[in-house]
Each structure stands twice: as C-alpha cells, then as structure tokens.
Amino acid sequence: MKKFLAITALVLGLGVQAQTTTTKKESGIELIPKAGLSIANQNIKNVNGEKSKVAFQAGLGVNIQTGLKNFSVQPEVNFISKGTKIKNNFGNETYNFNYIEIPVLAKYSFGPVYVNAGPSIGFLMGKNDRIKAAYGKTRSVDFGLQMGAGVAIPAGPGKVIVDGRYNLGLSNISDEKGMDVKNRGFAISLGYAIPL
C-alpha cells in the first residue's frame, strides 16, 4: 500500500509540474480516475490449455497536452489482475497475478476518438502458496507494451472516457530454469476526465 501511494503521488506530481509550465488554454491537464475489467491470459512454454480469465482493474491517469496539436502524454498508476486459467484433469485452475502497473502512453486524438501506445512496468503484489506451487520462483517486475483506442464524450465539466487496450508482456516472469511465462491480455475501462 505504501508503494502504491508513493507511485500515485509521483504521477500526480508529474501532472502538477506540467501544469505550472504551461497554461490551461495551451496545454490542458486532465485527471482520469477509471475502473473496468481485464481479460487476462499467459503464454506458457510447453503448456497447453491456457484460457483467459476475467478480473478487476482500476487506476488513475493524468493526461498532459504537449502543445502539439491533438497530441498528449498520459502516465497512469493502475491496479490490474493478470494470470490465466489452466485446464487439467481436475477442471480449470485459476492463477491470479496482481500488479501495480505504470504505463506511460503517447496519445493522439481525432476529435472525440483517440489512439494510444507506450511502455509499461508492473510490480507484483505478493505471491500466494498456489502460485508458488504451480510456477515455482517468479519475478516481481514485468515490462510490457500497451496499445489501444478509445472515445472521450463531453459530459458536464469533463469527459466520459471509454478505453480499450491490449497488454503485451515482454518479460519472462518465471525465474525457473527452462520455463517461459509471459502475460497477455485486454483491458476495458470506463473513466471520467476532470480538467484541472
């Protein structure tokens, strides 16, 4: 929890710093609380039967206009549940990997519609006994790429944000010799952009 609060403060501080160096008219700042679903899976070497699992995700973003027309940068701090379901002789076993994830996205808008993409880093929040028994040693940091699109609908003083994203894990999260496990998944969220 202390790590989450520290990271959130860092992202908010970045937004405030950007606001002090630009005016609202030229470069608006928006605070975006959001929540939704993650549809997670894993690519596991020499394992068949991986299936997607649906879980919760939520976070906070700061959209910072750059001064270039329609282009902005959006750092975020998110909680997201990743993992997979694996089919075996006893049915489906679900494995949850919960992360605090920090993407930094380049965002380009076409009117209310936008596309975004950028790198992300995730920090694993603990390891339960089921994970240890099934996966052995796992790494606590996961690097990846995110890419997606969404729509920003004016509503009141801000905008309703509907966002869809694909998460591509680049890191092998296993620390066992001969194992290769990479996170994959989609994230769908609903948020509200609050102008500052």
Protein backbone atom coordinates (compact mmCIF):
# COMPACT_ATOMS: atom_id res chain seq x y z
CA MET A 1 0.00 0.00 0.00
CA LYS A 2 2.85 2.44 0.80
CA LYS A 3 4.39 1.68 -2.62
CA PHE A 4 1.03 2.34 -4.31
CA LEU A 5 0.59 5.70 -2.52
CA ALA A 6 4.14 6.76 -3.36
CA ILE A 7 3.71 5.93 -7.04
CA THR A 8 0.34 7.73 -7.16
CA ALA A 9 1.92 10.83 -5.62
CA LEU A 10 4.69 10.70 -8.23
CA VAL A 11 2.22 10.59 -11.15
CA LEU A 12 0.13 13.42 -9.67
CA GLY A 13 3.28 15.43 -9.10
CA LEU A 14 4.21 15.00 -12.76
CA GLY A 15 0.84 16.40 -13.76
CA VAL A 16 1.13 19.37 -11.42
CA GLN A 17 4.66 20.15 -12.64
CA ALA A 18 3.46 20.13 -16.25
CA GLN A 19 0.60 22.45 -15.31
CA THR A 20 2.95 25.03 -13.79
CA THR A 21 4.96 25.29 -17.01
CA THR A 22 2.01 25.63 -19.41
CA THR A 23 -1.30 27.44 -19.39
CA LYS A 24 -4.65 25.64 -19.43
CA LYS A 25 -5.56 27.23 -22.75
CA GLU A 26 -2.45 25.97 -24.49
CA SER A 27 -1.95 22.68 -22.69
CA GLY A 28 -4.78 21.31 -20.55
CA ILE A 29 -4.28 18.83 -17.73
CA GLU A 30 -6.91 16.16 -17.02
CA LEU A 31 -7.13 13.82 -14.05
CA ILE A 32 -8.75 10.49 -15.05
CA PRO A 33 -10.00 8.03 -12.41
CA LYS A 34 -11.14 4.82 -14.09
CA ALA A 35 -12.20 1.22 -13.48
CA GLY A 36 -13.13 -1.79 -15.56
CA LEU A 37 -12.30 -5.36 -16.49
CA SER A 38 -9.15 -7.17 -17.55
CA ILE A 39 -9.32 -10.24 -19.78
CA ALA A 40 -6.01 -11.87 -18.93
CA ASN A 41 -4.07 -14.83 -20.27
CA GLN A 42 -0.50 -16.10 -20.27
CA ASN A 43 1.75 -17.62 -22.90
CA ILE A 44 3.47 -20.53 -21.11
CA LYS A 45 6.19 -22.53 -22.83
CA ASN A 46 5.38 -26.25 -23.23
CA VAL A 47 1.94 -25.86 -21.63
CA ASN A 48 -1.35 -26.29 -23.47
CA GLY A 49 -4.82 -25.42 -22.27
CA GLU A 50 -4.29 -21.84 -21.11
CA LYS A 51 -7.60 -19.95 -21.05
CA SER A 52 -8.49 -16.32 -20.43
CA LYS A 53 -9.76 -15.16 -17.05
CA VAL A 54 -11.80 -12.04 -16.31
CA ALA A 55 -10.81 -9.83 -13.38
CA PHE A 56 -10.97 -6.29 -12.00
CA GLN A 57 -8.74 -3.35 -12.85
CA ALA A 58 -8.76 0.30 -11.77
CA GLY A 59 -6.44 3.26 -11.76
CA LEU A 60 -5.68 6.92 -12.12
CA GLY A 61 -4.25 8.72 -15.15
CA VAL A 62 -3.01 12.24 -15.84
CA ASN A 63 -3.47 13.38 -19.44
CA ILE A 64 -0.98 16.15 -20.27
CA GLN A 65 -1.24 18.14 -23.50
CA THR A 66 2.15 18.64 -25.12
CA GLY A 67 1.46 21.79 -27.11
CA LEU A 68 1.45 19.79 -30.36
CA LYS A 69 -1.99 19.66 -31.96
CA ASN A 70 -4.04 16.63 -30.81
CA PHE A 71 -1.03 15.01 -29.12
CA SER A 72 -0.72 14.32 -25.38
CA VAL A 73 1.14 12.11 -22.92
CA GLN A 74 -0.70 10.06 -20.30
CA PRO A 75 1.14 8.45 -17.36
CA GLU A 76 -1.02 6.21 -15.17
CA VAL A 77 -0.94 4.16 -11.98
CA ASN A 78 -3.20 1.10 -12.21
CA PHE A 79 -4.12 -1.96 -10.20
CA ILE A 80 -4.65 -4.87 -12.57
CA SER A 81 -5.15 -8.59 -12.07
CA LYS A 82 -3.34 -10.76 -14.62
CA GLY A 83 -2.81 -14.51 -14.83
CA THR A 84 -4.61 -17.37 -16.53
CA LYS A 85 -6.82 -20.42 -16.26
CA ILE A 86 -5.19 -23.78 -16.98
CA LYS A 87 -7.27 -26.80 -17.87
CA ASN A 88 -6.19 -30.06 -16.27
CA ASN A 89 -7.69 -33.41 -15.30
CA PHE A 90 -9.46 -31.80 -12.33
CA GLY A 91 -11.05 -28.93 -14.26
CA ASN A 92 -9.88 -25.32 -14.60
CA GLU A 93 -7.35 -23.88 -12.16
CA THR A 94 -7.24 -20.08 -11.94
CA TYR A 95 -3.98 -18.29 -11.12
CA ASN A 96 -4.07 -14.60 -10.20
CA PHE A 97 -1.08 -12.27 -10.51
CA ASN A 98 -1.97 -8.85 -9.09
CA TYR A 99 0.16 -5.92 -10.23
CA ILE A 100 0.59 -2.21 -9.63
CA GLU A 101 1.28 -1.15 -13.20
CA ILE A 102 2.64 2.15 -14.54
CA PRO A 103 2.15 2.78 -18.27
CA VAL A 104 3.30 5.98 -19.99
CA LEU A 105 1.27 6.39 -23.15
CA ALA A 106 1.57 8.63 -26.19
CA LYS A 107 -1.97 9.66 -27.17
CA TYR A 108 -3.26 11.11 -30.44
CA SER A 109 -6.84 12.36 -30.76
CA PHE A 110 -9.10 12.55 -33.83
CA GLY A 111 -11.92 14.64 -32.41
CA PRO A 112 -13.54 12.52 -29.65
CA VAL A 113 -11.70 9.35 -30.78
CA TYR A 114 -8.11 8.63 -29.79
CA VAL A 115 -5.37 6.01 -30.12
CA ASN A 116 -2.59 5.42 -27.61
CA ALA A 117 0.51 3.30 -27.11
CA GLY A 118 3.52 3.12 -24.85
CA PRO A 119 5.68 1.09 -22.45
CA SER A 120 4.61 -0.14 -19.03
CA ILE A 121 6.21 -1.58 -15.92
CA GLY A 122 4.35 -3.74 -13.42
CA PHE A 123 5.20 -4.61 -9.81
CA LEU A 124 3.83 -7.91 -8.49
CA MET A 125 1.89 -7.58 -5.24
CA GLY A 126 2.86 -10.68 -3.27
CA LYS A 127 2.86 -14.39 -4.13
CA ASN A 128 0.45 -16.91 -2.61
CA ASP A 129 1.14 -20.60 -2.00
CA ARG A 130 -0.86 -21.73 -5.05
CA ILE A 131 1.29 -19.56 -7.32
CA LYS A 132 4.49 -20.83 -5.72
CA ALA A 133 3.38 -24.46 -6.06
CA ALA A 134 2.41 -24.13 -9.73
CA TYR A 135 5.05 -21.69 -11.01
CA GLY A 136 7.97 -22.01 -8.61
CA LYS A 137 10.05 -18.84 -8.42
CA THR A 138 8.59 -15.82 -10.22
CA ARG A 139 9.97 -12.38 -10.91
CA SER A 140 8.42 -9.33 -9.25
CA VAL A 141 8.79 -6.92 -12.20
CA ASP A 142 7.06 -7.22 -15.56
CA PHE A 143 7.90 -4.98 -18.54
CA GLY A 144 5.42 -4.66 -21.39
CA LEU A 145 3.78 -2.61 -24.11
CA GLN A 146 0.25 -1.26 -24.21
CA MET A 147 -1.70 -0.14 -27.25
CA GLY A 148 -5.33 0.73 -27.74
CA ALA A 149 -8.04 3.22 -28.59
CA GLY A 150 -10.98 4.94 -27.00
CA VAL A 151 -13.53 7.70 -27.12
CA ALA A 152 -13.89 10.84 -24.96
CA ILE A 153 -17.52 12.03 -24.73
CA PRO A 154 -18.13 15.54 -23.33
CA ALA A 155 -20.28 15.35 -20.18
CA GLY A 156 -20.58 18.19 -17.68
CA PRO A 157 -17.27 19.94 -16.99
CA GLY A 158 -15.24 16.94 -18.20
CA LYS A 159 -15.47 13.89 -20.44
CA VAL A 160 -16.61 10.30 -20.09
CA ILE A 161 -13.76 8.05 -21.25
CA VAL A 162 -14.33 4.59 -22.73
CA ASP A 163 -10.94 2.91 -23.24
CA GLY A 164 -9.87 -0.44 -24.69
CA ARG A 165 -6.29 -1.68 -24.57
CA TYR A 166 -4.11 -4.68 -25.41
CA ASN A 167 -1.32 -5.56 -22.96
CA LEU A 168 1.71 -7.36 -24.37
CA GLY A 169 4.10 -8.69 -21.74
CA LEU A 170 7.73 -8.66 -22.86
CA SER A 171 9.32 -10.16 -19.74
CA ASN A 172 9.60 -13.79 -18.77
CA ILE A 173 8.01 -13.62 -15.31
CA SER A 174 9.29 -17.08 -14.38
CA ASP A 175 12.59 -17.38 -12.53
CA GLU A 176 12.77 -21.16 -13.05
CA LYS A 177 15.28 -22.66 -15.48
CA GLY A 178 13.68 -23.72 -18.76
CA MET A 179 10.33 -22.00 -18.07
CA ASP A 180 8.98 -19.09 -20.09
CA VAL A 181 5.82 -17.30 -18.94
CA LYS A 182 4.60 -14.03 -20.46
CA ASN A 183 1.49 -12.04 -19.63
CA ARG A 184 -1.07 -11.16 -22.29
CA GLY A 185 -4.49 -9.57 -22.14
CA PHE A 186 -7.07 -6.91 -22.87
CA ALA A 187 -8.29 -4.17 -20.54
CA ILE A 188 -11.58 -2.32 -20.87
CA SER A 189 -12.29 0.66 -18.64
CA LEU A 190 -14.75 3.47 -18.02
CA GLY A 191 -13.44 6.73 -16.64
CA TYR A 192 -14.07 10.44 -16.28
CA ALA A 193 -11.58 13.12 -17.34
CA ILE A 194 -11.60 16.02 -14.85
CA PRO A 195 -9.96 19.21 -16.16
CA LEU A 196 -7.60 20.84 -13.67
